[in-house]
Each structure stands twice: as C-alpha cells, then as structure tokens.
Amino acid sequence: MKVRKQGFTLVELLVVMAIIGLLIGLLLPAVQEAREAARRTQCANNLRQLGLALHTYHDVHKMFPGVVAWQNAIPEFNPGPDRNLYGNGGYSVLTSLLPFLDSGTLYDNINFSINARSEDLDGTNPTPQALWRVNDTVRRERLPFLICPSDGQKQAGPATNYMVNYGSWVWRYAVDVDSTPLWDGFLGGGRLATGEFTSTSRVFGSIVDGTISTAAFAEAVKGTGEIVVRSRLGAIYGSVDAIPGNPAGFRLRCETINYQTYTIAIGDKGYVWFDTRDGFGRNIYNHILRPNGLSCFAQEDEWPSIGVAASSNHGGGVNVCFVDDSVRFITSGIDWETWLAYGSVDGREPTRF
C-alpha cells in the first residue's frame, strides 16, 4: 500500500503562487494610491502653512507683503520695519514670510542692503564677487516646507514648489494705455511704460472679489534650472506672439506648443525660493493657463510676457491656497473663465465652486 507523502504538488504550488501574485497585483495600486493621497495631503498642509504665514504677516504689518521687491521700488511699498526688504531689490515673498514660518534665524541672517539677484547659484555674474557671497548661505538653504513630496524632481538645490499668484494676465501687458498698472494678482506690483517699477501692498480690503475666490499660492512642478531640459510641467517654453489684451489668444497659442521639439525651454521654474525672477517664472505663476497646462512666454525684448501654469504630479489637478487660507484641489479641466477669475483680486467675475 502506497503512502502519500505530505506536501504540495507542483500544480498546487503554481496555483498558490498565481493567487498570491494576483493579490499583490490588486494590492499594489491601492498602496500607491494611499501613498499619493498622503503626499497630496502633505502638500496641501504646506500650502496652508504659507496661508497662515500671510495672515500673521498682515496682523503684524497691517498689510500683505509685495510679490517682489525691485531696486527702485518706491518707499511706500512697505513703510514698516521691513522697509529695506523692499528697497533693494529682488527678494521673493517667501523671504518676507520666513519669520512666520519658524525660520526667523534665516531671516535675521539676510543682508537686505544688497540686491538679492547679485548672482546666479553657480556664482556667475557677480557684481562684485564679494557682494553675492553675503547672502549665499541663506540663499542655498533647502526648506522642506517649500517642497511637495509628489514632485519627484529631487535636485538638492534650494527650490520651491509653491508659487505666488501673479494675477490673471501676463507680465508685459499688465499696464493700461495710460501706463496705469493693472496688476490684479493677490500680491501687488506693476511696471510702468517708462520701465519704472511701482507697487501697492494689498490689504484685506483690496480683495474685492472675496478671499474665498482669490488665489494666493498654488503648487507647480519645479524645473532643473537648466535651459535644455524639456519636461511638460517643469519648464517654460517660448516664444509665441503675445497678443496684447487678448488672454484667450495667448493661451491658445501656448497650448499648441510641442514641448518635446520646441527650440526654447527654460527650466528656472521654482528653481530657487530666495529671489524672484518674474520674467522667467522662478517662483510666481498666473492664471492665464489652466492647471497642468504648458507654460510659455513671448520674448519681444529682455522682458518676456509669461504665462506660468500651476502644475503637479498628483494627477488631475493642483492644490491651491486661497486668501482665506483654505486649500482646495482644483482640477485640470476647470472652466477657464473661472480659473482666470480666481487670479484677480478685483475683477468682479462670477466664480463657481
């Protein structure tokens, strides 16, 4: 009489392995989805901290900071104790918020008597060389609360995924025919036809459209800082015709760009948090292009007209922090008119939630 040995047959083993493989195949997407949900939540929390910092800044200074400071900014830009920050040029709004983001030591170590843009990160273009080293340590600091964990672009530099709302229109054509600034973004600013920069700091009363309907910050996939890397979301492409006063036309021309073959690709998007190069979208965005659209510019002279899109790797949309400090996930397919309206403080456009 034969006695069957205990154990699995080959067929049984293969069946068990197939079942385990199937279960793993079903489980992995759920795990990935859960991880991405956690990353998206962390990203939203980072934006909420920026919104809280803006409110605290307003409580202290009775105004919001300016989007960017230029060397010839008028003194009225900020008459408070941080006046030098807005009188010597190039410092980003993120720099202004450092004391309210538990980074007061960094803020205290900045020498605001020099222009923030005295050099590039690789040390080129110093004016003079000894000058740019003054703030170099702070400028190179990588701040985790400015990084979205879903970005995937892990360069070690001092980048940011969180851009400030520059308005519903583009750089060059933010002035009326009589040179009156039409800067309608959350944080004020404008360039006159003569080339002189002027700005008016916002207060809560400036947000005519309502704080719940006006964007303050949005996330954007950052670039590598190079001009040759062509990525769909991390670069800015140009040059298209600007079409003064025609945002719809500008948007449509941007959307026709083939980013894989386009000749001009600038990777400065989000490359550094410390200073603002608004002409190249370093840490600003606007609402001319829908979320996750291609960013592009019209290069007429040294000051391009830019359309910098909010973007993310979350899939299907981006996190946006509104002036009321609420953070909402805005889908890429949002009605363009509604998205455009979120960009302005006083357009009185209807919006849908």
Protein backbone atom coordinates (compact mmCIF):
# COMPACT_ATOMS: atom_id res chain seq x y z
CA MET A 1 0.00 0.00 0.00
CA LYS A 2 1.41 3.33 -1.05
CA VAL A 3 1.57 6.13 1.48
CA ARG A 4 1.29 9.64 0.01
CA LYS A 5 4.00 11.97 1.21
CA GLN A 6 2.91 15.23 2.80
CA GLY A 7 3.49 18.41 0.73
CA PHE A 8 2.33 20.37 -2.28
CA THR A 9 2.24 19.08 -5.78
CA LEU A 10 3.75 21.26 -8.48
CA VAL A 11 0.29 22.20 -9.73
CA GLU A 12 -0.86 23.20 -6.25
CA LEU A 13 2.26 25.31 -5.76
CA LEU A 14 1.73 27.09 -9.06
CA VAL A 15 -1.90 27.79 -8.19
CA VAL A 16 -0.93 29.26 -4.82
CA MET A 17 1.78 31.42 -6.42
CA ALA A 18 -0.69 32.64 -9.02
CA ILE A 19 -3.20 33.59 -6.32
CA ILE A 20 -0.52 35.42 -4.31
CA GLY A 21 0.62 37.25 -7.44
CA LEU A 22 -2.94 38.28 -8.20
CA LEU A 23 -3.44 39.57 -4.67
CA ILE A 24 -0.20 41.55 -4.83
CA GLY A 25 -1.24 42.96 -8.19
CA LEU A 26 -4.51 44.13 -6.68
CA LEU A 27 -2.86 45.46 -3.55
CA LEU A 28 -0.01 47.50 -5.05
CA PRO A 29 -2.18 50.08 -6.82
CA ALA A 30 -4.13 50.60 -3.61
CA VAL A 31 -0.88 51.09 -1.68
CA GLN A 32 0.41 53.54 -4.29
CA GLU A 33 -2.88 55.40 -4.23
CA ALA A 34 -2.76 55.63 -0.45
CA ARG A 35 0.80 56.92 -0.56
CA GLU A 36 -0.07 59.55 -3.15
CA ALA A 37 -3.08 60.63 -1.09
CA ALA A 38 -0.74 61.12 1.86
CA ARG A 39 1.71 63.11 -0.28
CA ARG A 40 -1.10 65.27 -1.64
CA THR A 41 -2.32 65.94 1.90
CA GLN A 42 1.19 66.93 2.99
CA CYS A 43 1.42 69.26 0.01
CA ALA A 44 -1.91 70.87 0.96
CA ASN A 45 -0.66 71.28 4.54
CA ASN A 46 2.47 73.06 3.29
CA LEU A 47 0.32 75.49 1.35
CA ARG A 48 -1.92 76.03 4.36
CA GLN A 49 1.15 76.99 6.41
CA LEU A 50 2.01 79.61 3.79
CA GLY A 51 -1.54 80.93 4.01
CA LEU A 52 -1.30 81.18 7.79
CA ALA A 53 2.04 82.97 7.46
CA LEU A 54 0.43 85.54 5.14
CA HIS A 55 -2.31 86.20 7.68
CA THR A 56 0.20 86.55 10.51
CA TYR A 57 2.28 88.92 8.39
CA HIS A 58 -0.83 91.02 7.81
CA ASP A 59 -1.61 91.02 11.53
CA VAL A 60 1.87 92.34 12.29
CA HIS A 61 2.37 94.81 9.42
CA LYS A 62 -1.27 95.69 8.64
CA MET A 63 -0.66 94.74 5.00
CA PHE A 64 0.41 91.80 2.89
CA PRO A 65 3.98 91.63 1.56
CA GLY A 66 4.71 92.52 -2.05
CA VAL A 67 5.17 89.84 -4.65
CA VAL A 68 8.67 91.04 -5.47
CA ALA A 69 10.95 93.89 -4.47
CA TRP A 70 12.96 95.84 -7.02
CA GLN A 71 15.95 98.06 -6.52
CA ASN A 72 13.98 101.14 -7.47
CA ALA A 73 10.80 100.18 -5.61
CA ILE A 74 9.03 103.19 -4.18
CA PRO A 75 9.30 103.65 -0.38
CA GLU A 76 5.52 103.46 0.04
CA PHE A 77 5.71 99.78 -0.92
CA ASN A 78 6.19 98.95 2.75
CA PRO A 79 6.61 101.76 5.29
CA GLY A 80 7.02 99.28 8.14
CA PRO A 81 10.12 97.93 9.87
CA ASP A 82 10.98 95.72 6.88
CA ARG A 83 11.34 98.70 4.57
CA ASN A 84 14.83 97.73 3.42
CA LEU A 85 13.48 94.40 2.23
CA TYR A 86 11.51 96.29 -0.38
CA GLY A 87 14.05 98.94 -1.26
CA ASN A 88 17.00 96.94 -2.55
CA GLY A 89 15.55 94.51 -4.96
CA GLY A 90 14.70 91.02 -5.99
CA TYR A 91 13.64 89.33 -2.72
CA SER A 92 10.72 86.94 -3.04
CA VAL A 93 7.58 86.95 -0.92
CA LEU A 94 8.78 83.66 0.58
CA THR A 95 11.72 85.57 2.04
CA SER A 96 9.30 88.02 3.64
CA LEU A 97 7.40 85.17 5.28
CA LEU A 98 10.39 83.43 6.89
CA PRO A 99 9.80 84.89 10.40
CA PHE A 100 6.27 83.45 10.30
CA LEU A 101 7.39 80.01 9.12
CA ASP A 102 9.61 79.23 12.12
CA SER A 103 12.63 80.40 10.13
CA GLY A 104 13.35 83.71 11.84
CA THR A 105 17.05 82.86 12.20
CA LEU A 106 17.41 82.58 8.43
CA TYR A 107 15.63 85.91 8.01
CA ASP A 108 17.91 87.58 10.56
CA ASN A 109 20.98 86.41 8.64
CA ILE A 110 19.98 88.11 5.39
CA ASN A 111 21.72 91.34 4.48
CA PHE A 112 18.94 93.31 2.82
CA SER A 113 21.23 96.19 1.91
CA ILE A 114 22.22 94.45 -1.32
CA ASN A 115 20.21 93.25 -4.29
CA ALA A 116 19.01 89.67 -3.93
CA ARG A 117 19.84 88.94 -7.54
CA SER A 118 23.50 89.84 -7.50
CA GLU A 119 24.47 86.40 -8.77
CA ASP A 120 23.36 83.05 -10.06
CA LEU A 121 23.62 79.92 -7.93
CA ASP A 122 26.74 78.78 -9.78
CA GLY A 123 28.49 82.03 -8.88
CA THR A 124 28.35 83.56 -12.34
CA ASN A 125 27.56 87.19 -12.97
CA PRO A 126 28.78 88.52 -9.60
CA THR A 127 28.59 92.29 -9.12
CA PRO A 128 31.07 92.33 -7.46
CA GLN A 129 32.10 88.79 -6.50
CA ALA A 130 32.43 89.52 -2.80
CA LEU A 131 28.92 91.01 -2.73
CA TRP A 132 26.92 87.94 -3.65
CA ARG A 133 28.61 85.77 -1.04
CA VAL A 134 26.99 87.81 1.72
CA ASN A 135 23.64 86.00 1.41
CA ASP A 136 24.89 82.86 -0.27
CA THR A 137 24.43 80.57 2.74
CA VAL A 138 20.80 81.57 3.24
CA ARG A 139 20.07 81.55 -0.47
CA ARG A 140 21.23 77.95 -0.82
CA GLU A 141 19.18 76.70 2.13
CA ARG A 142 16.76 73.93 1.23
CA LEU A 143 13.48 74.36 3.10
CA PRO A 144 11.41 71.15 3.37
CA PHE A 145 8.13 73.02 3.85
CA LEU A 146 8.53 74.51 0.36
CA ILE A 147 8.78 71.11 -1.34
CA CYS A 148 5.84 68.98 -2.48
CA PRO A 149 6.64 65.29 -1.87
CA SER A 150 4.89 64.34 -5.12
CA ASP A 151 7.14 66.43 -7.34
CA GLY A 152 9.67 63.67 -7.99
CA GLN A 153 12.33 66.14 -9.11
CA LYS A 154 14.82 65.58 -6.30
CA GLN A 155 17.56 68.08 -7.09
CA ALA A 156 19.40 69.21 -3.99
CA GLY A 157 19.11 72.92 -4.67
CA PRO A 158 17.01 75.50 -2.79
CA ALA A 159 13.89 75.03 -4.89
CA THR A 160 10.21 75.64 -4.18
CA ASN A 161 7.02 74.05 -5.42
CA TYR A 162 4.84 76.86 -4.12
CA MET A 163 4.31 79.87 -6.34
CA VAL A 164 2.58 83.14 -5.53
CA ASN A 165 -0.35 84.30 -7.68
CA TYR A 166 0.84 86.99 -10.10
CA GLY A 167 -2.62 87.70 -11.49
CA SER A 168 -4.92 86.88 -14.37
CA TRP A 169 -2.71 88.27 -17.10
CA VAL A 170 0.92 88.25 -18.27
CA TRP A 171 3.99 90.30 -17.44
CA ARG A 172 4.28 92.77 -20.29
CA TYR A 173 0.67 93.75 -20.69
CA ALA A 174 -0.14 94.46 -17.05
CA VAL A 175 -0.46 98.19 -17.75
CA ASP A 176 -3.28 100.17 -19.28
CA VAL A 177 -2.86 102.51 -22.25
CA ASP A 178 -2.13 105.40 -19.88
CA SER A 179 0.56 103.34 -18.05
CA THR A 180 -1.72 102.69 -15.07
CA PRO A 181 -0.69 99.36 -13.53
CA LEU A 182 -3.31 96.65 -13.93
CA TRP A 183 -1.58 94.15 -11.67
CA ASP A 184 -4.56 92.22 -10.40
CA GLY A 185 -2.82 89.37 -8.58
CA PHE A 186 -3.07 88.80 -4.86
CA LEU A 187 0.24 90.50 -4.11
CA GLY A 188 0.59 93.85 -5.78
CA GLY A 189 3.11 95.06 -8.28
CA GLY A 190 3.42 96.59 -11.75
CA ARG A 191 5.82 98.05 -14.30
CA LEU A 192 5.11 101.42 -15.87
CA ALA A 193 5.63 102.01 -19.57
CA THR A 194 8.74 104.03 -18.70
CA GLY A 195 10.28 100.90 -17.20
CA GLU A 196 9.93 102.08 -13.62
CA PHE A 197 8.53 99.56 -11.19
CA THR A 198 5.86 100.55 -8.72
CA SER A 199 3.76 98.60 -6.30
CA THR A 200 0.93 98.92 -3.84
CA SER A 201 0.78 96.45 -0.99
CA ARG A 202 -2.55 94.68 -0.62
CA VAL A 203 -4.72 94.67 2.48
CA PHE A 204 -7.82 92.58 3.10
CA GLY A 205 -9.93 95.43 1.78
CA SER A 206 -8.13 95.13 -1.57
CA ILE A 207 -9.56 91.68 -2.16
CA VAL A 208 -12.79 92.91 -3.71
CA ASP A 209 -13.65 89.53 -5.24
CA GLY A 210 -13.60 87.94 -1.80
CA THR A 211 -10.87 86.00 -0.03
CA ILE A 212 -12.55 82.67 -0.79
CA SER A 213 -12.49 83.44 -4.54
CA THR A 214 -8.94 84.80 -4.86
CA ALA A 215 -5.89 82.55 -5.10
CA ALA A 216 -2.79 83.33 -3.05
CA PHE A 217 -0.47 80.37 -3.75
CA ALA A 218 -0.55 77.31 -5.97
CA GLU A 219 1.84 74.45 -6.46
CA ALA A 220 3.97 73.93 -9.55
CA VAL A 221 6.36 71.23 -10.68
CA LYS A 222 9.85 72.71 -10.45
CA GLY A 223 12.45 72.69 -13.17
CA THR A 224 16.09 71.71 -13.06
CA GLY A 225 17.40 75.24 -13.57
CA GLU A 226 18.80 74.33 -16.99
CA ILE A 227 17.66 75.66 -20.35
CA VAL A 228 17.96 72.40 -22.29
CA VAL A 229 15.74 70.03 -20.28
CA ARG A 230 12.31 69.74 -21.86
CA SER A 231 9.69 68.50 -19.43
CA ARG A 232 5.98 69.00 -19.82
CA LEU A 233 5.39 70.66 -16.45
CA GLY A 234 8.79 71.84 -15.16
CA ALA A 235 9.84 74.25 -17.89
CA ILE A 236 8.63 77.37 -19.70
CA TYR A 237 8.56 77.42 -23.49
CA GLY A 238 8.70 80.29 -25.94
CA SER A 239 8.35 82.30 -27.88
CA VAL A 240 4.78 82.86 -29.04
CA ASP A 241 3.11 86.08 -30.11
CA ALA A 242 1.85 87.92 -27.03
CA ILE A 243 -1.34 89.42 -28.48
CA PRO A 244 -1.76 92.43 -26.17
CA GLY A 245 -5.04 92.42 -24.30
CA ASN A 246 -6.09 89.02 -25.60
CA PRO A 247 -5.59 86.38 -22.89
CA ALA A 248 -7.61 83.75 -24.73
CA GLY A 249 -5.44 84.09 -27.82
CA PHE A 250 -2.25 83.92 -25.78
CA ARG A 251 -3.50 80.77 -24.03
CA LEU A 252 -4.44 79.05 -27.29
CA ARG A 253 -1.01 79.73 -28.78
CA CYS A 254 0.69 78.34 -25.70
CA GLU A 255 -1.42 75.19 -25.87
CA THR A 256 -0.27 74.43 -29.43
CA ILE A 257 3.41 74.13 -28.43
CA ASN A 258 5.02 70.72 -28.85
CA TYR A 259 7.24 70.75 -25.78
CA GLN A 260 9.31 67.77 -26.95
CA THR A 261 10.60 69.58 -30.01
CA TYR A 262 10.31 73.26 -29.09
CA THR A 263 13.52 75.20 -29.51
CA ILE A 264 13.40 77.27 -26.29
CA ALA A 265 12.94 75.61 -22.91
CA ILE A 266 13.79 77.45 -19.69
CA GLY A 267 14.00 75.39 -16.51
CA ASP A 268 14.05 78.18 -13.94
CA LYS A 269 10.51 77.35 -12.78
CA GLY A 270 10.65 77.01 -9.00
CA TYR A 271 14.44 76.71 -9.09
CA VAL A 272 15.10 78.92 -6.08
CA TRP A 273 12.86 80.37 -3.35
CA PHE A 274 15.09 83.25 -2.25
CA ASP A 275 14.75 85.72 -5.10
CA THR A 276 12.18 86.34 -7.80
CA ARG A 277 12.93 86.45 -11.49
CA ASP A 278 9.42 87.20 -12.56
CA GLY A 279 10.36 87.39 -16.23
CA PHE A 280 11.15 83.68 -16.11
CA GLY A 281 8.67 82.37 -13.58
CA ARG A 282 11.15 81.42 -10.89
CA ASN A 283 8.60 81.40 -8.07
CA ILE A 284 5.49 83.06 -9.47
CA TYR A 285 2.58 81.77 -11.54
CA ASN A 286 -0.51 83.31 -13.12
CA HIS A 287 -3.95 82.25 -14.25
CA ILE A 288 -3.62 82.71 -17.98
CA LEU A 289 -3.16 78.95 -18.40
CA ARG A 290 -5.24 76.22 -16.79
CA PRO A 291 -3.69 73.89 -14.18
CA ASN A 292 -1.18 71.44 -15.68
CA GLY A 293 -1.05 73.41 -18.92
CA LEU A 294 2.20 74.18 -20.74
CA SER A 295 3.88 77.38 -19.57
CA CYS A 296 5.16 79.70 -22.27
CA PHE A 297 6.37 83.22 -22.93
CA ALA A 298 6.55 85.81 -25.69
CA GLN A 299 10.07 87.18 -26.00
CA GLU A 300 9.86 90.63 -27.54
CA ASP A 301 12.88 92.11 -25.78
CA GLU A 302 14.66 91.46 -22.48
CA TRP A 303 11.31 91.36 -20.58
CA PRO A 304 9.15 88.46 -21.77
CA SER A 305 5.42 88.17 -21.37
CA ILE A 306 4.94 84.96 -19.44
CA GLY A 307 2.15 82.51 -18.78
CA VAL A 308 3.26 80.23 -15.95
CA ALA A 309 0.82 77.43 -15.20
CA ALA A 310 0.18 75.84 -11.83
CA SER A 311 1.07 72.15 -12.07
CA SER A 312 1.54 68.98 -10.04
CA ASN A 313 2.18 65.25 -10.23
CA HIS A 314 -0.87 64.44 -8.11
CA GLY A 315 -2.86 63.57 -11.19
CA GLY A 316 -5.86 65.53 -12.40
CA GLY A 317 -5.23 68.90 -10.81
CA VAL A 318 -3.33 71.07 -8.32
CA ASN A 319 -3.59 72.28 -4.74
CA VAL A 320 -4.39 76.00 -4.44
CA CYS A 321 -4.28 78.11 -1.29
CA PHE A 322 -6.83 80.92 -1.33
CA VAL A 323 -6.57 84.18 0.57
CA ASP A 324 -8.97 82.93 3.24
CA ASP A 325 -6.33 80.23 3.99
CA SER A 326 -8.48 77.43 2.58
CA VAL A 327 -6.70 74.90 0.36
CA ARG A 328 -8.70 73.30 -2.42
CA PHE A 329 -7.79 70.79 -5.09
CA ILE A 330 -8.58 72.39 -8.45
CA THR A 331 -8.98 70.01 -11.38
CA SER A 332 -7.11 70.48 -14.64
CA GLY A 333 -10.42 70.65 -16.50
CA ILE A 334 -11.73 73.66 -14.58
CA ASP A 335 -13.68 76.17 -16.66
CA TRP A 336 -11.06 78.59 -17.99
CA GLU A 337 -13.10 81.71 -17.20
CA THR A 338 -13.47 80.54 -13.60
CA TRP A 339 -9.76 79.83 -13.29
CA LEU A 340 -8.97 83.24 -14.77
CA ALA A 341 -11.30 84.86 -12.23
CA TYR A 342 -9.51 83.18 -9.33
CA GLY A 343 -6.37 85.03 -10.39
CA SER A 344 -7.66 88.57 -9.87
CA VAL A 345 -8.44 90.46 -6.67
CA ASP A 346 -10.93 92.92 -8.12
CA GLY A 347 -12.25 91.68 -11.45
CA ARG A 348 -15.73 91.06 -10.00
CA GLU A 349 -16.02 87.99 -12.21
CA PRO A 350 -18.50 85.26 -11.29
CA THR A 351 -16.89 82.06 -10.00
CA ARG A 352 -18.23 78.58 -9.45
CA PHE A 353 -17.09 76.24 -6.71
